[in-house]
N, C-alpha and C. Protein backbone atom coordinates (compact mmCIF):
# COMPACT_ATOMS: atom_id res chain seq x y z
N MET A 1 -129.77 21.60 -0.76
CA MET A 1 -130.98 20.95 -0.41
C MET A 1 -130.70 19.47 -0.16
N ASP A 2 -131.13 19.02 0.93
CA ASP A 2 -130.89 17.57 1.36
C ASP A 2 -131.77 16.72 0.56
N SER A 3 -131.27 15.48 0.29
CA SER A 3 -132.07 14.48 -0.53
C SER A 3 -133.40 14.12 0.18
N LYS A 4 -133.45 14.18 1.45
CA LYS A 4 -134.65 13.92 2.22
C LYS A 4 -135.73 14.94 1.99
N GLU A 5 -135.34 16.19 1.72
CA GLU A 5 -136.32 17.26 1.55
C GLU A 5 -137.01 17.17 0.12
N ARG A 6 -136.36 16.55 -0.87
CA ARG A 6 -136.84 16.61 -2.21
C ARG A 6 -138.00 15.64 -2.45
N GLY A 7 -138.01 14.51 -1.80
CA GLY A 7 -139.00 13.44 -2.09
C GLY A 7 -140.32 13.75 -1.41
N SER A 8 -141.33 12.94 -1.73
CA SER A 8 -142.68 13.12 -1.20
C SER A 8 -142.75 12.54 0.18
N GLY A 9 -141.81 11.65 0.54
CA GLY A 9 -141.83 11.00 1.86
C GLY A 9 -140.51 10.38 2.12
N PRO A 10 -140.24 9.95 3.30
CA PRO A 10 -138.91 9.39 3.58
C PRO A 10 -138.52 8.17 2.77
N VAL A 11 -139.51 7.33 2.51
CA VAL A 11 -139.25 6.14 1.70
C VAL A 11 -139.46 6.40 0.20
N GLY A 12 -140.51 6.98 -0.14
CA GLY A 12 -140.80 7.19 -1.59
C GLY A 12 -139.81 8.16 -2.22
N GLY A 13 -139.39 9.18 -1.51
CA GLY A 13 -138.41 10.10 -2.05
C GLY A 13 -137.04 9.48 -2.28
N GLN A 14 -136.56 8.69 -1.31
CA GLN A 14 -135.30 8.04 -1.40
C GLN A 14 -135.31 7.01 -2.51
N LEU A 15 -136.42 6.27 -2.57
CA LEU A 15 -136.57 5.21 -3.53
C LEU A 15 -136.61 5.85 -4.96
N GLY A 16 -137.36 6.88 -5.12
CA GLY A 16 -137.37 7.60 -6.41
C GLY A 16 -136.04 8.11 -6.82
N GLU A 17 -135.31 8.67 -5.91
CA GLU A 17 -133.96 9.16 -6.13
C GLU A 17 -133.01 8.09 -6.63
N ARG A 18 -133.12 6.93 -5.91
CA ARG A 18 -132.18 5.76 -6.26
C ARG A 18 -132.58 5.23 -7.67
N LEU A 19 -133.86 5.14 -7.90
CA LEU A 19 -134.29 4.58 -9.22
C LEU A 19 -133.89 5.48 -10.35
N SER A 20 -134.04 6.82 -10.15
CA SER A 20 -133.66 7.71 -11.22
C SER A 20 -132.13 7.70 -11.43
N LEU A 21 -131.37 7.54 -10.31
CA LEU A 21 -129.95 7.40 -10.46
C LEU A 21 -129.54 6.14 -11.23
N ILE A 22 -130.17 5.05 -10.93
CA ILE A 22 -129.91 3.75 -11.58
C ILE A 22 -130.29 3.92 -13.08
N ALA A 23 -131.49 4.52 -13.35
CA ALA A 23 -131.93 4.68 -14.74
C ALA A 23 -130.97 5.61 -15.48
N ALA A 24 -130.46 6.60 -14.85
CA ALA A 24 -129.49 7.49 -15.58
C ALA A 24 -128.17 6.72 -15.86
N GLY A 25 -127.74 5.90 -14.91
CA GLY A 25 -126.55 5.04 -15.19
C GLY A 25 -126.71 4.04 -16.34
N LEU A 26 -127.97 3.49 -16.35
CA LEU A 26 -128.22 2.54 -17.48
C LEU A 26 -128.30 3.22 -18.77
N PHE A 27 -128.93 4.39 -18.84
CA PHE A 27 -128.94 5.19 -20.13
C PHE A 27 -127.59 5.65 -20.54
N TYR A 28 -126.69 5.97 -19.50
CA TYR A 28 -125.38 6.31 -19.82
C TYR A 28 -124.65 5.20 -20.55
N VAL A 29 -124.82 3.99 -20.03
CA VAL A 29 -124.15 2.85 -20.71
C VAL A 29 -124.79 2.55 -22.08
N LEU A 30 -126.13 2.72 -22.13
CA LEU A 30 -126.77 2.47 -23.40
C LEU A 30 -126.40 3.47 -24.50
N PHE A 31 -126.26 4.75 -24.13
CA PHE A 31 -125.88 5.76 -25.10
C PHE A 31 -124.39 5.56 -25.55
N ASN A 32 -123.62 4.92 -24.75
CA ASN A 32 -122.25 4.73 -25.09
C ASN A 32 -121.99 3.31 -25.61
N LEU A 33 -123.01 2.54 -25.76
CA LEU A 33 -122.90 1.15 -26.32
C LEU A 33 -122.48 1.19 -27.77
N ARG A 34 -121.52 0.42 -28.13
CA ARG A 34 -121.08 0.28 -29.50
C ARG A 34 -121.31 -1.17 -29.87
N TYR A 35 -122.28 -1.37 -30.80
CA TYR A 35 -122.77 -2.71 -31.18
C TYR A 35 -122.06 -3.19 -32.39
N ALA A 36 -121.52 -4.40 -32.37
CA ALA A 36 -120.96 -5.06 -33.53
C ALA A 36 -121.76 -6.33 -33.75
N ALA A 37 -122.50 -6.39 -34.83
CA ALA A 37 -123.42 -7.45 -35.07
C ALA A 37 -122.73 -8.80 -35.12
N GLY A 38 -123.15 -9.74 -34.28
CA GLY A 38 -122.68 -11.02 -34.24
C GLY A 38 -121.30 -11.18 -33.60
N ARG A 39 -120.77 -10.15 -33.04
CA ARG A 39 -119.45 -10.22 -32.40
C ARG A 39 -119.50 -9.61 -30.99
N PRO A 40 -120.04 -10.31 -30.02
CA PRO A 40 -120.22 -9.82 -28.66
C PRO A 40 -118.89 -9.25 -28.03
N LEU A 41 -117.78 -9.95 -28.26
CA LEU A 41 -116.51 -9.52 -27.69
C LEU A 41 -116.10 -8.18 -28.25
N ASP A 42 -116.31 -8.00 -29.54
CA ASP A 42 -115.99 -6.76 -30.16
C ASP A 42 -116.90 -5.63 -29.68
N SER A 43 -118.21 -5.93 -29.43
CA SER A 43 -119.13 -4.98 -28.85
C SER A 43 -118.67 -4.53 -27.47
N LEU A 44 -118.29 -5.54 -26.60
CA LEU A 44 -117.86 -5.20 -25.28
C LEU A 44 -116.57 -4.43 -25.32
N THR A 45 -115.65 -4.76 -26.12
CA THR A 45 -114.40 -4.03 -26.21
C THR A 45 -114.60 -2.59 -26.69
N ALA A 46 -115.45 -2.42 -27.72
CA ALA A 46 -115.69 -1.08 -28.26
C ALA A 46 -116.49 -0.20 -27.25
N THR A 47 -117.45 -0.84 -26.57
CA THR A 47 -118.19 -0.11 -25.51
C THR A 47 -117.25 0.34 -24.37
N LEU A 48 -116.40 -0.56 -23.90
CA LEU A 48 -115.50 -0.18 -22.85
C LEU A 48 -114.50 0.92 -23.30
N TRP A 49 -114.08 0.82 -24.52
CA TRP A 49 -113.17 1.83 -25.08
C TRP A 49 -113.91 3.21 -25.15
N GLN A 50 -115.15 3.12 -25.54
CA GLN A 50 -115.99 4.34 -25.66
C GLN A 50 -116.15 4.99 -24.28
N LEU A 51 -116.49 4.17 -23.31
CA LEU A 51 -116.66 4.62 -21.95
C LEU A 51 -115.38 5.25 -21.38
N ALA A 52 -114.24 4.53 -21.63
CA ALA A 52 -112.96 5.06 -21.14
C ALA A 52 -112.50 6.31 -21.83
N SER A 53 -112.90 6.51 -23.06
CA SER A 53 -112.44 7.68 -23.76
C SER A 53 -113.37 8.86 -23.59
N SER A 54 -114.60 8.61 -23.24
CA SER A 54 -115.57 9.79 -23.02
C SER A 54 -115.67 10.09 -21.56
N ALA A 55 -115.37 9.27 -20.62
CA ALA A 55 -115.58 9.50 -19.19
C ALA A 55 -114.71 10.74 -18.73
N PRO A 56 -113.46 10.88 -19.16
CA PRO A 56 -112.71 12.09 -18.71
C PRO A 56 -113.36 13.38 -19.12
N TYR A 57 -113.90 13.45 -20.27
CA TYR A 57 -114.65 14.69 -20.73
C TYR A 57 -115.84 14.94 -19.83
N ALA A 58 -116.64 13.89 -19.64
CA ALA A 58 -117.81 13.98 -18.79
C ALA A 58 -117.48 14.34 -17.37
N ALA A 59 -116.38 13.78 -16.84
CA ALA A 59 -115.97 14.07 -15.47
C ALA A 59 -115.48 15.53 -15.38
N GLY A 60 -114.73 15.99 -16.35
CA GLY A 60 -114.28 17.39 -16.34
C GLY A 60 -115.36 18.35 -16.45
N LEU A 61 -116.26 18.15 -17.35
CA LEU A 61 -117.50 19.01 -17.45
C LEU A 61 -118.32 19.01 -16.17
N THR A 62 -118.46 17.82 -15.62
CA THR A 62 -119.23 17.71 -14.36
C THR A 62 -118.57 18.46 -13.26
N PHE A 63 -117.20 18.35 -13.15
CA PHE A 63 -116.49 19.08 -12.14
C PHE A 63 -116.67 20.62 -12.30
N LEU A 64 -116.63 21.11 -13.57
CA LEU A 64 -116.86 22.56 -13.79
C LEU A 64 -118.31 22.99 -13.42
N VAL A 65 -119.28 22.21 -13.83
CA VAL A 65 -120.66 22.59 -13.47
C VAL A 65 -120.89 22.46 -11.98
N VAL A 66 -120.46 21.44 -11.33
CA VAL A 66 -120.63 21.35 -9.89
C VAL A 66 -119.91 22.49 -9.18
N SER A 67 -118.71 22.81 -9.57
CA SER A 67 -118.01 23.97 -9.02
C SER A 67 -118.73 25.28 -9.16
N PHE A 68 -119.33 25.45 -10.35
CA PHE A 68 -120.09 26.64 -10.60
C PHE A 68 -121.28 26.71 -9.72
N PHE A 69 -122.10 25.64 -9.65
CA PHE A 69 -123.26 25.66 -8.78
C PHE A 69 -122.93 25.78 -7.32
N GLN A 70 -121.86 25.18 -6.88
CA GLN A 70 -121.53 25.29 -5.43
C GLN A 70 -121.06 26.71 -5.11
N ARG A 71 -120.36 27.31 -6.03
CA ARG A 71 -119.88 28.70 -5.80
C ARG A 71 -121.13 29.65 -5.93
N MET A 72 -122.02 29.37 -6.78
CA MET A 72 -123.23 30.21 -6.96
C MET A 72 -124.20 30.16 -5.76
N TYR A 73 -124.43 28.96 -5.26
CA TYR A 73 -125.38 28.74 -4.14
C TYR A 73 -124.75 28.70 -2.84
N GLY A 74 -123.41 28.51 -2.72
CA GLY A 74 -122.75 28.50 -1.48
C GLY A 74 -122.94 27.30 -0.63
N GLU A 75 -123.37 26.22 -1.20
CA GLU A 75 -123.49 24.96 -0.40
C GLU A 75 -123.03 23.79 -1.34
N LYS A 76 -122.61 22.68 -0.62
CA LYS A 76 -122.17 21.49 -1.35
C LYS A 76 -123.28 20.80 -2.02
N MET A 77 -122.97 20.27 -3.15
CA MET A 77 -123.91 19.43 -3.94
C MET A 77 -123.75 17.97 -3.51
N ASP A 78 -124.83 17.31 -3.19
CA ASP A 78 -124.74 15.88 -2.73
C ASP A 78 -124.26 14.99 -3.83
N TRP A 79 -123.71 13.81 -3.46
CA TRP A 79 -123.09 12.99 -4.40
C TRP A 79 -124.05 12.31 -5.43
N GLU A 80 -125.30 12.11 -5.04
CA GLU A 80 -126.26 11.57 -5.94
C GLU A 80 -126.49 12.50 -7.09
N ARG A 81 -126.57 13.76 -6.78
CA ARG A 81 -126.78 14.76 -7.86
C ARG A 81 -125.53 14.87 -8.74
N ARG A 82 -124.38 14.77 -8.16
CA ARG A 82 -123.15 14.80 -8.92
C ARG A 82 -123.07 13.67 -9.89
N PHE A 83 -123.41 12.47 -9.43
CA PHE A 83 -123.45 11.28 -10.29
C PHE A 83 -124.51 11.45 -11.41
N ARG A 84 -125.67 11.96 -11.00
CA ARG A 84 -126.75 12.13 -11.97
C ARG A 84 -126.32 13.14 -13.03
N LEU A 85 -125.63 14.21 -12.64
CA LEU A 85 -125.15 15.21 -13.57
C LEU A 85 -124.07 14.58 -14.48
N PHE A 86 -123.13 13.77 -13.91
CA PHE A 86 -122.13 13.08 -14.69
C PHE A 86 -122.80 12.18 -15.75
N PHE A 87 -123.82 11.41 -15.31
CA PHE A 87 -124.47 10.52 -16.25
C PHE A 87 -125.14 11.34 -17.36
N THR A 88 -125.82 12.43 -17.02
CA THR A 88 -126.47 13.27 -17.98
C THR A 88 -125.50 13.82 -19.02
N ILE A 89 -124.40 14.41 -18.56
CA ILE A 89 -123.42 14.84 -19.49
C ILE A 89 -122.81 13.76 -20.31
N GLY A 90 -122.64 12.59 -19.71
CA GLY A 90 -122.09 11.42 -20.46
C GLY A 90 -123.07 10.94 -21.53
N ILE A 91 -124.35 11.03 -21.23
CA ILE A 91 -125.39 10.65 -22.19
C ILE A 91 -125.31 11.61 -23.36
N ILE A 92 -125.21 12.89 -23.13
CA ILE A 92 -125.18 13.92 -24.20
C ILE A 92 -123.91 13.67 -25.00
N LEU A 93 -122.73 13.50 -24.37
CA LEU A 93 -121.54 13.28 -25.11
C LEU A 93 -121.58 11.96 -25.86
N GLY A 94 -122.16 10.97 -25.23
CA GLY A 94 -122.24 9.68 -25.94
C GLY A 94 -123.05 9.75 -27.23
N PHE A 95 -124.11 10.56 -27.13
CA PHE A 95 -124.98 10.74 -28.31
C PHE A 95 -124.15 11.44 -29.46
N PHE A 96 -123.44 12.49 -29.11
CA PHE A 96 -122.69 13.18 -30.13
C PHE A 96 -121.53 12.35 -30.68
N PHE A 97 -120.86 11.61 -29.77
CA PHE A 97 -119.83 10.77 -30.20
C PHE A 97 -120.36 9.63 -31.14
N ALA A 98 -121.56 9.11 -30.84
CA ALA A 98 -122.14 8.09 -31.69
C ALA A 98 -122.49 8.70 -33.08
N LEU A 99 -122.99 9.90 -33.10
CA LEU A 99 -123.24 10.60 -34.36
C LEU A 99 -121.98 10.72 -35.17
N ALA A 100 -120.88 11.16 -34.52
CA ALA A 100 -119.65 11.38 -35.18
C ALA A 100 -119.09 10.03 -35.73
N ASP A 101 -119.24 9.03 -34.94
CA ASP A 101 -118.77 7.66 -35.32
C ASP A 101 -119.59 7.18 -36.52
N TYR A 102 -120.88 7.39 -36.50
CA TYR A 102 -121.72 6.97 -37.57
C TYR A 102 -121.41 7.72 -38.89
N PHE A 103 -121.29 9.07 -38.81
CA PHE A 103 -121.01 9.81 -40.01
C PHE A 103 -119.53 9.55 -40.53
N GLN A 104 -118.66 9.25 -39.62
CA GLN A 104 -117.28 8.87 -40.04
C GLN A 104 -117.32 7.64 -40.87
N ARG A 105 -118.06 6.63 -40.44
CA ARG A 105 -118.17 5.35 -41.14
C ARG A 105 -118.92 5.46 -42.46
N THR A 106 -119.93 6.34 -42.53
CA THR A 106 -120.74 6.40 -43.71
C THR A 106 -120.41 7.60 -44.58
N ALA A 107 -119.30 8.24 -44.33
CA ALA A 107 -118.94 9.40 -45.16
C ALA A 107 -118.76 9.02 -46.60
N PRO A 108 -119.19 9.88 -47.53
CA PRO A 108 -118.98 9.50 -48.97
C PRO A 108 -117.56 9.72 -49.33
N ALA A 109 -117.14 8.97 -50.36
CA ALA A 109 -115.77 9.09 -50.85
C ALA A 109 -115.58 10.49 -51.45
N PRO A 110 -114.41 10.97 -51.30
CA PRO A 110 -114.16 12.34 -51.92
C PRO A 110 -114.21 12.29 -53.39
N LEU A 111 -114.66 13.41 -53.95
CA LEU A 111 -114.78 13.53 -55.40
C LEU A 111 -113.42 13.51 -56.04
N SER A 112 -113.26 12.79 -57.07
CA SER A 112 -112.01 12.77 -57.78
C SER A 112 -112.19 13.66 -59.02
N GLY A 113 -111.29 14.57 -59.24
CA GLY A 113 -111.54 15.52 -60.29
C GLY A 113 -110.46 15.57 -61.21
């Protein structure tokens, strides 16, 4: 399906598609943000490290899903949808990586017996 067919009009549909793509990208960065209170350089470094370490997983899963859909429907998926899918998978992975990071830092000490 062409991106022009999805929107309500030639301008409104394309604008809505662009805005949702930008919003997905911003949420992708937000969900992968690692905040260090009072240390902006550490926050930036940790966020960039998180993005660099999770992007290959998101890209690989995106490649598999896009390949599946293209084989299933027999037509190419446009790039905006591919990026939106990448951002969505990255948001989900970022959420679970943040949970793992949080629980790793707040894990109770092992019982000594």
